[in-house]
C-alpha cells in the first residue's frame, strides 16, 4: 500500500511523493504533529503538539510539561501509536534550544524514534 509522505512533498516531475513503508508514514505523522502549533490548522485549531507552551516555564518543569504535552497530543490525534519515551535535553551546541526525542511504537509494533529541535528564544 502506498501512502503520501508528510509533509506533502513534490518530486522533480511535479508528482506527489509516496512511501510504501508504514513505519515511515508514522514517523512523518508524528513529526508533523510535533511541529504544528495549535491554531495553525484552520480545520482543527486544537491540532498540534503544544510543546512550545512548556518552554515559558522554569527549566526544571520543562521535561515533565513537554512529556505531558506530547503524550496527550499523540493519544488524541494518533491513538494507534503508543508513546514509549519522551526525552528532552539542552542542545549541546546551543543552550537556547532543546532536543526533543520521542520513541513510540507504530501499529505494527515497530519501535520508531523522531527528534525535533525546540527553540527557547
PDB file of N, CA and C in Angstrom:
ATOM      1  N   UNK A   1       0.842  -1.179   0.000  1.00  0.00           N
ATOM      2  CA  UNK A   1       0.000   0.000   0.000  1.00  0.00           C
ATOM      3  C   UNK A   1       0.889   1.245   0.000  1.00  0.00           C
ATOM      4  N   UNK A   2       0.513   2.238  -0.797  1.00  0.00           N
ATOM      5  CA  UNK A   2       1.267   3.480  -0.882  1.00  0.00           C
ATOM      6  C   UNK A   2       0.571   4.554  -0.056  1.00  0.00           C
ATOM      7  N   UNK A   3       1.373   5.312   0.690  1.00  0.00           N
ATOM      8  CA  UNK A   3       0.866   6.427   1.487  1.00  0.00           C
ATOM      9  C   UNK A   3       1.605   7.690   1.091  1.00  0.00           C
ATOM     10  N   UNK A   4       0.908   8.822   1.144  1.00  0.00           N
ATOM     11  CA  UNK A   4       1.556  10.105   0.908  1.00  0.00           C
ATOM     12  C   UNK A   4       2.573  10.375   1.996  1.00  0.00           C
ATOM     13  N   UNK A   5       3.687  10.998   1.626  1.00  0.00           N
ATOM     14  CA  UNK A   5       4.670  11.450   2.611  1.00  0.00           C
ATOM     15  C   UNK A   5       4.143  12.717   3.269  1.00  0.00           C
ATOM     16  N   UNK A   6       4.410  12.862   4.567  1.00  0.00           N
ATOM     17  CA  UNK A   6       4.031  14.060   5.312  1.00  0.00           C
ATOM     18  C   UNK A   6       5.301  14.720   5.796  1.00  0.00           C
ATOM     19  N   UNK A   7       5.426  16.036   5.712  1.00  0.00           N
ATOM     20  CA  UNK A   7       4.517  16.903   4.981  1.00  0.00           C
ATOM     21  C   UNK A   7       4.550  16.576   3.488  1.00  0.00           C
ATOM     22  N   UNK A   8       3.526  17.007   2.798  1.00  0.00           N
ATOM     23  CA  UNK A   8       3.394  16.721   1.375  1.00  0.00           C
ATOM     24  C   UNK A   8       4.649  17.168   0.629  1.00  0.00           C
ATOM     25  N   UNK A   9       5.170  16.295  -0.218  1.00  0.00           N
ATOM     26  CA  UNK A   9       6.366  16.585  -0.999  1.00  0.00           C
ATOM     27  C   UNK A   9       6.066  16.347  -2.473  1.00  0.00           C
ATOM     28  N   UNK A  10       6.700  17.133  -3.308  1.00  0.00           N
ATOM     29  CA  UNK A  10       6.545  17.012  -4.755  1.00  0.00           C
ATOM     30  C   UNK A  10       7.907  16.653  -5.336  1.00  0.00           C
ATOM     31  N   UNK A  11       7.934  15.645  -6.229  1.00  0.00           N
ATOM     32  CA  UNK A  11       9.211  15.251  -6.834  1.00  0.00           C
ATOM     33  C   UNK A  11       9.530  16.146  -8.031  1.00  0.00           C
ATOM     34  N   UNK A  12      10.645  15.900  -8.682  1.00  0.00           N
ATOM     35  CA  UNK A  12      11.103  16.713  -9.811  1.00  0.00           C
ATOM     36  C   UNK A  12      10.152  16.719 -10.987  1.00  0.00           C
ATOM     37  N   UNK A  13       9.321  15.690 -11.107  1.00  0.00           N
ATOM     38  CA  UNK A  13       8.356  15.605 -12.203  1.00  0.00           C
ATOM     39  C   UNK A  13       7.020  16.243 -11.837  1.00  0.00           C
ATOM     40  N   UNK A  14       6.931  16.830 -10.629  1.00  0.00           N
ATOM     41  CA  UNK A  14       5.697  17.502 -10.224  1.00  0.00           C
ATOM     42  C   UNK A  14       4.656  16.564  -9.622  1.00  0.00           C
ATOM     43  N   UNK A  15       5.068  15.349  -9.258  1.00  0.00           N
ATOM     44  CA  UNK A  15       4.137  14.377  -8.671  1.00  0.00           C
ATOM     45  C   UNK A  15       4.340  14.308  -7.162  1.00  0.00           C
ATOM     46  N   UNK A  16       3.276  13.943  -6.468  1.00  0.00           N
ATOM     47  CA  UNK A  16       3.363  13.758  -5.027  1.00  0.00           C
ATOM     48  C   UNK A  16       4.280  12.571  -4.722  1.00  0.00           C
ATOM     49  N   UNK A  17       5.027  12.687  -3.627  1.00  0.00           N
ATOM     50  CA  UNK A  17       5.930  11.624  -3.207  1.00  0.00           C
ATOM     51  C   UNK A  17       5.174  10.683  -2.275  1.00  0.00           C
ATOM     52  N   UNK A  18       5.295   9.377  -2.549  1.00  0.00           N
ATOM     53  CA  UNK A  18       4.634   8.353  -1.751  1.00  0.00           C
ATOM     54  C   UNK A  18       5.676   7.493  -1.057  1.00  0.00           C
ATOM     55  N   UNK A  19       5.240   6.753  -0.046  1.00  0.00           N
ATOM     56  CA  UNK A  19       6.072   5.751   0.607  1.00  0.00           C
ATOM     57  C   UNK A  19       5.258   4.475   0.761  1.00  0.00           C
ATOM     58  N   UNK A  20       5.924   3.358   0.725  1.00  0.00           N
ATOM     59  CA  UNK A  20       5.252   2.084   0.981  1.00  0.00           C
ATOM     60  C   UNK A  20       5.563   1.600   2.392  1.00  0.00           C
ATOM     61  N   UNK A  21       6.335   2.357   3.129  1.00  0.00           N
ATOM     62  CA  UNK A  21       6.735   1.988   4.485  1.00  0.00           C
ATOM     63  C   UNK A  21       5.745   2.548   5.497  1.00  0.00           C
ATOM     64  N   UNK A  22       5.078   1.664   6.213  1.00  0.00           N
ATOM     65  CA  UNK A  22       4.173   2.104   7.274  1.00  0.00           C
ATOM     66  C   UNK A  22       4.950   2.820   8.365  1.00  0.00           C
ATOM     67  N   UNK A  23       6.140   2.335   8.668  1.00  0.00           N
ATOM     68  CA  UNK A  23       6.970   2.978   9.688  1.00  0.00           C
ATOM     69  C   UNK A  23       7.292   4.412   9.292  1.00  0.00           C
ATOM     70  N   UNK A  24       7.637   4.647   8.023  1.00  0.00           N
ATOM     71  CA  UNK A  24       7.936   5.999   7.552  1.00  0.00           C
ATOM     72  C   UNK A  24       6.696   6.883   7.651  1.00  0.00           C
ATOM     73  N   UNK A  25       5.547   6.321   7.321  1.00  0.00           N
ATOM     74  CA  UNK A  25       4.301   7.077   7.409  1.00  0.00           C
ATOM     75  C   UNK A  25       4.077   7.563   8.836  1.00  0.00           C
ATOM     76  N   UNK A  26       4.287   6.707   9.826  1.00  0.00           N
ATOM     77  CA  UNK A  26       4.080   7.117  11.214  1.00  0.00           C
ATOM     78  C   UNK A  26       5.162   8.059  11.703  1.00  0.00           C
ATOM     79  N   UNK A  27       6.396   7.897  11.269  1.00  0.00           N
ATOM     80  CA  UNK A  27       7.437   8.875  11.625  1.00  0.00           C
ATOM     81  C   UNK A  27       7.054  10.253  11.081  1.00  0.00           C
ATOM     82  N   UNK A  28       6.571  10.291   9.826  1.00  0.00           N
ATOM     83  CA  UNK A  28       6.139  11.560   9.228  1.00  0.00           C
ATOM     84  C   UNK A  28       4.978  12.171  10.007  1.00  0.00           C
ATOM     85  N   UNK A  29       3.977  11.358  10.316  1.00  0.00           N
ATOM     86  CA  UNK A  29       2.787  11.867  11.005  1.00  0.00           C
ATOM     87  C   UNK A  29       3.121  12.404  12.386  1.00  0.00           C
ATOM     88  N   UNK A  30       3.989  11.707  13.120  1.00  0.00           N
ATOM     89  CA  UNK A  30       4.395  12.174  14.449  1.00  0.00           C
ATOM     90  C   UNK A  30       5.204  13.468  14.327  1.00  0.00           C
ATOM     91  N   UNK A  31       6.114  13.528  13.371  1.00  0.00           N
ATOM     92  CA  UNK A  31       6.929  14.737  13.187  1.00  0.00           C
ATOM     93  C   UNK A  31       6.060  15.944  12.860  1.00  0.00           C
ATOM     94  N   UNK A  32       5.050  15.756  12.011  1.00  0.00           N
ATOM     95  CA  UNK A  32       4.144  16.861  11.674  1.00  0.00           C
ATOM     96  C   UNK A  32       3.352  17.290  12.907  1.00  0.00           C
ATOM     97  N   UNK A  33       2.856  16.338  13.677  1.00  0.00           N
ATOM     98  CA  UNK A  33       2.105  16.658  14.890  1.00  0.00           C
ATOM     99  C   UNK A  33       2.951  17.476  15.849  1.00  0.00           C
ATOM    100  N   UNK A  34       4.198  17.071  16.063  1.00  0.00           N
ATOM    101  CA  UNK A  34       5.060  17.789  17.000  1.00  0.00           C
ATOM    102  C   UNK A  34       5.436  19.181  16.503  1.00  0.00           C
ATOM    103  N   UNK A  35       5.561  19.338  15.192  1.00  0.00           N
ATOM    104  CA  UNK A  35       5.970  20.628  14.623  1.00  0.00           C
ATOM    105  C   UNK A  35       4.822  21.616  14.480  1.00  0.00           C
ATOM    106  N   UNK A  36       3.590  21.146  14.616  1.00  0.00           N
ATOM    107  CA  UNK A  36       2.430  22.014  14.422  1.00  0.00           C
ATOM    108  C   UNK A  36       2.012  22.629  15.748  1.00  0.00           C
ATOM    109  N   UNK A  37       1.843  23.949  15.734  1.00  0.00           N
ATOM    110  CA  UNK A  37       1.365  24.643  16.921  1.00  0.00           C
ATOM    111  C   UNK A  37      -0.154  24.789  16.826  1.00  0.00           C
ATOM    112  N   UNK A  38      -0.853  24.642  17.956  1.00  0.00           N
ATOM    113  CA  UNK A  38      -2.301  24.824  17.923  1.00  0.00           C
ATOM    114  C   UNK A  38      -2.659  26.172  17.298  1.00  0.00           C
ATOM    115  N   UNK A  39      -3.681  26.138  16.455  1.00  0.00           N
ATOM    116  CA  UNK A  39      -4.122  27.347  15.758  1.00  0.00           C
ATOM    117  C   UNK A  39      -3.624  27.424  14.327  1.00  0.00           C
ATOM    118  N   UNK A  40      -2.661  26.586  13.948  1.00  0.00           N
ATOM    119  CA  UNK A  40      -2.106  26.632  12.594  1.00  0.00           C
ATOM    120  C   UNK A  40      -3.004  25.955  11.565  1.00  0.00           C
ATOM    121  N   UNK A  41      -3.830  25.029  11.985  1.00  0.00           N
ATOM    122  CA  UNK A  41      -4.696  24.307  11.042  1.00  0.00           C
ATOM    123  C   UNK A  41      -6.126  24.822  11.181  1.00  0.00           C
ATOM    124  N   UNK A  42      -6.624  25.535  10.182  1.00  0.00           N
ATOM    125  CA  UNK A  42      -7.968  26.124  10.283  1.00  0.00           C
ATOM    126  C   UNK A  42      -9.070  25.092  10.515  1.00  0.00           C
ATOM    127  N   UNK A  43      -8.899  23.879   9.985  1.00  0.00           N
ATOM    128  CA  UNK A  43      -9.948  22.876  10.134  1.00  0.00           C
ATOM    129  C   UNK A  43      -9.948  22.215  11.513  1.00  0.00           C
ATOM    130  N   UNK A  44      -8.864  22.353  12.267  1.00  0.00           N
ATOM    131  CA  UNK A  44      -8.770  21.809  13.622  1.00  0.00           C
ATOM    132  C   UNK A  44      -7.797  22.675  14.409  1.00  0.00           C
ATOM    133  N   UNK A  45      -8.324  23.698  15.037  1.00  0.00           N
ATOM    134  CA  UNK A  45      -7.482  24.678  15.719  1.00  0.00           C
ATOM    135  C   UNK A  45      -6.736  24.105  16.923  1.00  0.00           C
ATOM    136  N   UNK A  46      -7.173  22.967  17.442  1.00  0.00           N
ATOM    137  CA  UNK A  46      -6.501  22.355  18.587  1.00  0.00           C
ATOM    138  C   UNK A  46      -5.360  21.422  18.179  1.00  0.00           C
ATOM    139  N   UNK A  47      -5.273  21.062  16.889  1.00  0.00           N
ATOM    140  CA  UNK A  47      -4.257  20.113  16.425  1.00  0.00           C
ATOM    141  C   UNK A  47      -2.863  20.660  16.692  1.00  0.00           C
ATOM    142  N   UNK A  48      -2.012  19.828  17.241  1.00  0.00           N
ATOM    143  CA  UNK A  48      -0.627  20.219  17.461  1.00  0.00           C
ATOM    144  C   UNK A  48      -0.063  19.597  18.716  1.00  0.00           C
ATOM    145  N   UNK A  49       1.244  19.719  18.851  1.00  0.00           N
ATOM    146  CA  UNK A  49       1.936  19.105  19.966  1.00  0.00           C
ATOM    147  C   UNK A  49       1.930  19.907  21.253  1.00  0.00           C
ATOM    148  N   UNK A  50       1.631  21.185  21.181  1.00  0.00           N
ATOM    149  CA  UNK A  50       1.587  22.081  22.339  1.00  0.00           C
ATOM    150  C   UNK A  50       2.892  22.117  23.144  1.00  0.00           C
ATOM    151  N   UNK A  51       3.991  21.725  22.520  1.00  0.00           N
ATOM    152  CA  UNK A  51       5.245  21.694  23.276  1.00  0.00           C
ATOM    153  C   UNK A  51       5.802  23.088  23.519  1.00  0.00           C
ATOM    154  N   UNK A  52       5.521  24.024  22.645  1.00  0.00           N
ATOM    155  CA  UNK A  52       6.081  25.369  22.808  1.00  0.00           C
ATOM    156  C   UNK A  52       5.547  26.077  24.049  1.00  0.00           C
ATOM    157  N   UNK A  53       4.334  25.761  24.483  1.00  0.00           N
ATOM    158  CA  UNK A  53       3.789  26.406  25.676  1.00  0.00           C
ATOM    159  C   UNK A  53       4.600  26.050  26.921  1.00  0.00           C
ATOM    160  N   UNK A  54       5.228  24.897  26.931  1.00  0.00           N
ATOM    161  CA  UNK A  54       6.037  24.484  28.080  1.00  0.00           C
ATOM    162  C   UNK A  54       7.359  25.235  28.151  1.00  0.00           C
ATOM    163  N   UNK A  55       7.766  25.819  27.060  1.00  0.00           N
ATOM    164  CA  UNK A  55       9.080  26.459  27.017  1.00  0.00           C
ATOM    165  C   UNK A  55       9.144  27.758  27.797  1.00  0.00           C
ATOM    166  N   UNK A  56       8.002  28.272  28.247  1.00  0.00           N
ATOM    167  CA  UNK A  56       7.986  29.515  29.015  1.00  0.00           C
ATOM    168  C   UNK A  56       7.961  29.254  30.519  1.00  0.00           C
ATOM    169  N   UNK A  57       8.055  27.996  30.899  1.00  0.00           N
ATOM    170  CA  UNK A  57       8.080  27.619  32.306  1.00  0.00           C
ATOM    171  C   UNK A  57       9.534  27.507  32.764  1.00  0.00           C
ATOM    172  N   UNK A  58       9.717  27.257  34.058  1.00  0.00           N
ATOM    173  CA  UNK A  58      11.086  27.115  34.560  1.00  0.00           C
ATOM    174  C   UNK A  58      11.711  25.855  33.961  1.00  0.00           C
ATOM    175  N   UNK A  59      13.020  25.877  33.805  1.00  0.00           N
ATOM    176  CA  UNK A  59      13.726  24.767  33.163  1.00  0.00           C
ATOM    177  C   UNK A  59      13.522  23.450  33.913  1.00  0.00           C
ATOM    178  N   UNK A  60      13.280  23.519  35.225  1.00  0.00           N
ATOM    179  CA  UNK A  60      13.041  22.291  35.992  1.00  0.00           C
ATOM    180  C   UNK A  60      11.737  21.613  35.580  1.00  0.00           C
ATOM    181  N   UNK A  61      10.765  22.398  35.149  1.00  0.00           N
ATOM    182  CA  UNK A  61       9.451  21.860  34.801  1.00  0.00           C
ATOM    183  C   UNK A  61       9.328  21.456  33.333  1.00  0.00           C
ATOM    184  N   UNK A  62      10.220  21.936  32.486  1.00  0.00           N
ATOM    185  CA  UNK A  62      10.101  21.719  31.042  1.00  0.00           C
ATOM    186  C   UNK A  62      10.016  20.246  30.662  1.00  0.00           C
ATOM    187  N   UNK A  63      10.893  19.364  31.141  1.00  0.00           N
ATOM    188  CA  UNK A  63      10.795  17.965  30.707  1.00  0.00           C
ATOM    189  C   UNK A  63       9.433  17.332  30.997  1.00  0.00           C
ATOM    190  N   UNK A  64       8.902  17.561  32.192  1.00  0.00           N
ATOM    191  CA  UNK A  64       7.603  16.986  32.556  1.00  0.00           C
ATOM    192  C   UNK A  64       6.484  17.574  31.713  1.00  0.00           C
ATOM    193  N   UNK A  65       6.485  18.886  31.520  1.00  0.00           N
ATOM    194  CA  UNK A  65       5.432  19.535  30.735  1.00  0.00           C
ATOM    195  C   UNK A  65       5.482  19.124  29.267  1.00  0.00           C
ATOM    196  N   UNK A  66       6.686  19.007  28.709  1.00  0.00           N
ATOM    197  CA  UNK A  66       6.822  18.574  27.317  1.00  0.00           C
ATOM    198  C   UNK A  66       6.343  17.133  27.173  1.00  0.00           C
ATOM    199  N   UNK A  67       6.721  16.273  28.116  1.00  0.00           N
ATOM    200  CA  UNK A  67       6.275  14.872  28.054  1.00  0.00           C
ATOM    201  C   UNK A  67       4.752  14.784  28.092  1.00  0.00           C
ATOM    202  N   UNK A  68       4.117  15.551  28.979  1.00  0.00           N
ATOM    203  CA  UNK A  68       2.655  15.546  29.062  1.00  0.00           C
ATOM    204  C   UNK A  68       2.023  16.055  27.768  1.00  0.00           C
ATOM    205  N   UNK A  69       2.563  17.148  27.229  1.00  0.00           N
ATOM    206  CA  UNK A  69       2.003  17.728  26.001  1.00  0.00           C
ATOM    207  C   UNK A  69       2.116  16.765  24.828  1.00  0.00           C
ATOM    208  N   UNK A  70       3.277  16.137  24.683  1.00  0.00           N
ATOM    209  CA  UNK A  70       3.499  15.199  23.579  1.00  0.00           C
ATOM    210  C   UNK A  70       2.617  13.968  23.737  1.00  0.00           C
ATOM    211  N   UNK A  71       2.595  13.404  24.920  1.00  0.00           N
ATOM    212  CA  UNK A  71       1.784  12.203  25.157  1.00  0.00           C
ATOM    213  C   UNK A  71       0.310  12.478  24.903  1.00  0.00           C
ATOM    214  N   UNK A  72      -0.190  13.597  25.393  1.00  0.00           N
ATOM    215  CA  UNK A  72      -1.604  13.942  25.181  1.00  0.00           C
ATOM    216  C   UNK A  72      -1.917  14.147  23.705  1.00  0.00           C
ATOM    217  N   UNK A  73      -1.034  14.817  22.982  1.00  0.00           N
ATOM    218  CA  UNK A  73      -1.269  15.060  21.552  1.00  0.00           C
ATOM    219  C   UNK A  73      -1.276  13.755  20.763  1.00  0.00           C
ATOM    220  N   UNK A  74      -0.334  12.871  21.049  1.00  0.00           N
ATOM    221  CA  UNK A  74      -0.272  11.590  20.335  1.00  0.00           C
ATOM    222  C   UNK A  74      -1.502  10.754  20.659  1.00  0.00           C
ATOM    223  N   UNK A  75      -1.904  10.712  21.932  1.00  0.00           N
ATOM    224  CA  UNK A  75      -3.096   9.936  22.302  1.00  0.00           C
ATOM    225  C   UNK A  75      -4.341  10.469  21.605  1.00  0.00           C
ATOM    226  N   UNK A  76      -4.434  11.769  21.460  1.00  0.00           N
ATOM    227  CA  UNK A  76      -5.630  12.358  20.842  1.00  0.00           C
ATOM    228  C   UNK A  76      -5.647  12.207  19.326  1.00  0.00           C
ATOM    229  N   UNK A  77      -4.526  12.494  18.669  1.00  0.00           N
ATOM    230  CA  UNK A  77      -4.519  12.565  17.208  1.00  0.00           C
ATOM    231  C   UNK A  77      -3.960  11.319  16.522  1.00  0.00           C
ATOM    232  N   UNK A  78      -3.206  10.521  17.229  1.00  0.00           N
ATOM    233  CA  UNK A  78      -2.669   9.280  16.667  1.00  0.00           C
ATOM    234  C   UNK A  78      -2.875   8.150  17.683  1.00  0.00           C
ATOM    235  N   UNK A  79      -4.121   7.818  17.993  1.00  0.00           N
ATOM    236  CA  UNK A  79      -4.380   6.841  19.060  1.00  0.00           C
ATOM    237  C   UNK A  79      -3.820   5.449  18.780  1.00  0.00           C
ATOM    238  N   UNK A  80      -3.512   5.154  17.532  1.00  0.00           N
ATOM    239  CA  UNK A  80      -2.946   3.857  17.192  1.00  0.00           C
ATOM    240  C   UNK A  80      -1.457   3.762  17.507  1.00  0.00           C
ATOM    241  N   UNK A  81      -0.854   4.878  17.920  1.00  0.00           N
ATOM    242  CA  UNK A  81       0.570   4.944  18.256  1.00  0.00           C
ATOM    243  C   UNK A  81       0.707   4.922  19.779  1.00  0.00           C
ATOM    244  N   UNK A  82       1.670   4.160  20.275  1.00  0.00           N
ATOM    245  CA  UNK A  82       1.941   4.098  21.715  1.00  0.00           C
ATOM    246  C   UNK A  82       3.240   4.837  22.016  1.00  0.00           C
ATOM    247  N   UNK A  83       3.160   5.800  22.919  1.00  0.00           N
ATOM    248  CA  UNK A  83       4.354   6.538  23.340  1.00  0.00           C
ATOM    249  C   UNK A  83       5.151   5.658  24.299  1.00  0.00           C
ATOM    250  N   UNK A  84       6.414   5.437  23.978  1.00  0.00           N
ATOM    251  CA  UNK A  84       7.292   4.633  24.830  1.00  0.00           C
ATOM    252  C   UNK A  84       8.190   5.500  25.706  1.00  0.00           C
ATOM    253  N   UNK A  85       8.645   6.634  25.152  1.00  0.00           N
ATOM    254  CA  UNK A  85       9.513   7.536  25.913  1.00  0.00           C
ATOM    255  C   UNK A  85       9.523   8.911  25.273  1.00  0.00           C
ATOM    256  N   UNK A  86       9.620   9.930  26.120  1.00  0.00           N
ATOM    257  CA  UNK A  86       9.801  11.309  25.673  1.00  0.00           C
ATOM    258  C   UNK A  86      11.014  11.838  26.422  1.00  0.00           C
ATOM    259  N   UNK A  87      12.053  12.198  25.687  1.00  0.00           N
ATOM    260  CA  UNK A  87      13.278  12.697  26.296  1.00  0.00           C
ATOM    261  C   UNK A  87      13.537  14.130  25.840  1.00  0.00           C
ATOM    262  N   UNK A  88      13.961  14.963  26.786  1.00  0.00           N
ATOM    263  CA  UNK A  88      14.351  16.332  26.455  1.00  0.00           C
ATOM    264  C   UNK A  88      15.730  16.593  27.036  1.00  0.00           C
ATOM    265  N   UNK A  89      16.533  17.316  26.280  1.00  0.00           N
ATOM    266  CA  UNK A  89      17.847  17.730  26.772  1.00  0.00           C
ATOM    267  C   UNK A  89      18.250  19.017  26.074  1.00  0.00           C
ATOM    268  N   UNK A  90      19.066  19.807  26.749  1.00  0.00           N
ATOM    269  CA  UNK A  90      19.576  21.023  26.125  1.00  0.00           C
ATOM    270  C   UNK A  90      20.469  20.648  24.957  1.00  0.00           C
ATOM    271  N   UNK A  91      20.345  21.373  23.868  1.00  0.00           N
ATOM    272  CA  UNK A  91      21.198  21.155  22.706  1.00  0.00           C
ATOM    273  C   UNK A  91      22.635  21.491  23.116  1.00  0.00           C
ATOM    274  N   UNK A  92      23.563  20.544  22.978  1.00  0.00           N
ATOM    275  CA  UNK A  92      24.936  20.806  23.413  1.00  0.00           C
ATOM    276  C   UNK A  92      25.641  21.903  22.617  1.00  0.00           C
ATOM    277  N   UNK A  93      25.127  22.228  21.434  1.00  0.00           N
ATOM    278  CA  UNK A  93      25.765  23.256  20.613  1.00  0.00           C
ATOM    279  C   UNK A  93      25.103  24.619  20.753  1.00  0.00           C
ATOM    280  N   UNK A  94      23.923  24.670  21.421  1.00  0.00           N
ATOM    281  CA  UNK A  94      23.199  25.934  21.527  1.00  0.00           C
ATOM    282  C   UNK A  94      22.286  25.844  22.746  1.00  0.00           C
ATOM    283  N   UNK A  95      22.605  26.600  23.804  1.00  0.00           N
ATOM    284  CA  UNK A  95      21.832  26.475  25.041  1.00  0.00           C
ATOM    285  C   UNK A  95      20.479  27.184  24.996  1.00  0.00           C
ATOM    286  N   UNK A  96      20.086  27.696  23.832  1.00  0.00           N
ATOM    287  CA  UNK A  96      18.743  28.264  23.686  1.00  0.00           C
ATOM    288  C   UNK A  96      17.816  27.304  22.941  1.00  0.00           C
ATOM    289  N   UNK A  97      18.258  26.049  22.811  1.00  0.00           N
ATOM    290  CA  UNK A  97      17.430  25.048  22.129  1.00  0.00           C
ATOM    291  C   UNK A  97      17.367  23.769  22.954  1.00  0.00           C
ATOM    292  N   UNK A  98      16.242  23.089  22.836  1.00  0.00           N
ATOM    293  CA  UNK A  98      16.044  21.799  23.488  1.00  0.00           C
ATOM    294  C   UNK A  98      15.847  20.759  22.394  1.00  0.00           C
ATOM    295  N   UNK A  99      16.476  19.613  22.560  1.00  0.00           N
ATOM    296  CA  UNK A  99      16.280  18.490  21.648  1.00  0.00           C
ATOM    297  C   UNK A  99      15.214  17.591  22.261  1.00  0.00           C
ATOM    298  N   UNK A 100      14.129  17.398  21.527  1.00  0.00           N
ATOM    299  CA  UNK A 100      13.035  16.528  21.953  1.00  0.00           C
ATOM    300  C   UNK A 100      13.125  15.235  21.149  1.00  0.00           C
ATOM    301  N   UNK A 101      13.182  14.112  21.833  1.00  0.00           N
ATOM    302  CA  UNK A 101      13.221  12.810  21.170  1.00  0.00           C
ATOM    303  C   UNK A 101      12.046  11.988  21.666  1.00  0.00           C
ATOM    304  N   UNK A 102      11.217  11.556  20.736  1.00  0.00           N
ATOM    305  CA  UNK A 102      10.041  10.747  21.044  1.00  0.00           C
ATOM    306  C   UNK A 102      10.268   9.341  20.510  1.00  0.00           C
ATOM    307  N   UNK A 103      10.153   8.360  21.375  1.00  0.00           N
ATOM    308  CA  UNK A 103      10.218   6.960  20.965  1.00  0.00           C
ATOM    309  C   UNK A 103       8.804   6.400  21.087  1.00  0.00           C
ATOM    310  N   UNK A 104       8.341   5.743  20.026  1.00  0.00           N
ATOM    311  CA  UNK A 104       6.961   5.241  20.010  1.00  0.00           C
ATOM    312  C   UNK A 104       6.908   3.929  19.255  1.00  0.00           C
ATOM    313  N   UNK A 105       5.790   3.226  19.404  1.00  0.00           N
ATOM    314  CA  UNK A 105       5.592   2.025  18.605  1.00  0.00           C
ATOM    315  C   UNK A 105       4.407   2.273  17.681  1.00  0.00           C
ATOM    316  N   UNK A 106       4.584   1.859  16.437  1.00  0.00           N
ATOM    317  CA  UNK A 106       3.543   2.007  15.422  1.00  0.00           C
ATOM    318  C   UNK A 106       2.596   0.811  15.516  1.00  0.00           C
ATOM    319  N   UNK A 107       1.499   0.816  14.763  1.00  0.00           N
ATOM    320  CA  UNK A 107       0.548  -0.295  14.838  1.00  0.00           C
ATOM    321  C   UNK A 107       1.161  -1.673  14.552  1.00  0.00           C
ATOM    322  N   UNK A 108       2.248  -1.721  13.803  1.00  0.00           N
ATOM    323  CA  UNK A 108       2.915  -2.995  13.533  1.00  0.00           C
ATOM    324  C   UNK A 108       3.900  -3.362  14.642  1.00  0.00           C
ATOM    325  N   UNK A 109       3.840  -2.615  15.753  1.00  0.00           N
ATOM    326  CA  UNK A 109       4.725  -2.819  16.907  1.00  0.00           C
ATOM    327  C   UNK A 109       6.191  -2.575  16.573  1.00  0.00           C
ATOM    328  N   UNK A 110       6.426  -1.744  15.581  1.00  0.00           N
ATOM    329  CA  UNK A 110       7.794  -1.346  15.267  1.00  0.00           C
ATOM    330  C   UNK A 110       8.162  -0.150  16.135  1.00  0.00           C
ATOM    331  N   UNK A 111       9.308  -0.219  16.792  1.00  0.00           N
ATOM    332  CA  UNK A 111       9.761   0.897  17.606  1.00  0.00           C
ATOM    333  C   UNK A 111      10.404   1.935  16.702  1.00  0.00           C
ATOM    334  N   UNK A 112       9.941   3.173  16.813  1.00  0.00           N
ATOM    335  CA  UNK A 112      10.417   4.279  15.979  1.00  0.00           C
ATOM    336  C   UNK A 112      10.833   5.434  16.863  1.00  0.00           C
ATOM    337  N   UNK A 113      11.690   6.291  16.324  1.00  0.00           N
ATOM    338  CA  UNK A 113      12.143   7.478  17.060  1.00  0.00           C
ATOM    339  C   UNK A 113      12.075   8.690  16.133  1.00  0.00           C
ATOM    340  N   UNK A 114      11.587   9.793  16.694  1.00  0.00           N
ATOM    341  CA  UNK A 114      11.541  11.071  15.992  1.00  0.00           C
ATOM    342  C   UNK A 114      12.171  12.110  16.897  1.00  0.00           C
ATOM    343  N   UNK A 115      13.057  12.935  16.360  1.00  0.00           N
ATOM    344  CA  UNK A 115      13.671  14.020  17.121  1.00  0.00           C
ATOM    345  C   UNK A 115      13.354  15.349  16.464  1.00  0.00           C
ATOM    346  N   UNK A 116      13.211  16.359  17.294  1.00  0.00           N
ATOM    347  CA  UNK A 116      12.978  17.709  16.784  1.00  0.00           C
ATOM    348  C   UNK A 116      13.648  18.705  17.720  1.00  0.00           C
ATOM    349  N   UNK A 117      13.892  19.893  17.221  1.00  0.00           N
ATOM    350  CA  UNK A 117      14.525  20.957  17.982  1.00  0.00           C
ATOM    351  C   UNK A 117      13.466  21.967  18.411  1.00  0.00           C
ATOM    352  N   UNK A 118      13.483  22.368  19.674  1.00  0.00           N
ATOM    353  CA  UNK A 118      12.583  23.387  20.184  1.00  0.00           C
ATOM    354  C   UNK A 118      13.416  24.615  20.546  1.00  0.00           C
ATOM    355  N   UNK A 119      13.084  25.750  19.944  1.00  0.00           N
ATOM    356  CA  UNK A 119      13.821  26.978  20.225  1.00  0.00           C
ATOM    357  C   UNK A 119      13.242  27.663  21.445  1.00  0.00           C
ATOM    358  N   UNK A 120      14.107  28.056  22.381  1.00  0.00           N
ATOM    359  CA  UNK A 120      13.682  28.749  23.580  1.00  0.00           C
ATOM    360  C   UNK A 120      13.552  30.249  23.371  1.00  0.00           C
ATOM    361  N   UNK A 121      14.070  30.748  22.277  1.00  0.00           N
ATOM    362  CA  UNK A 121      14.013  32.197  22.002  1.00  0.00           C
ATOM    363  C   UNK A 121      12.797  32.522  21.189  1.00  0.00           C
TER     364      UNK A 121
END
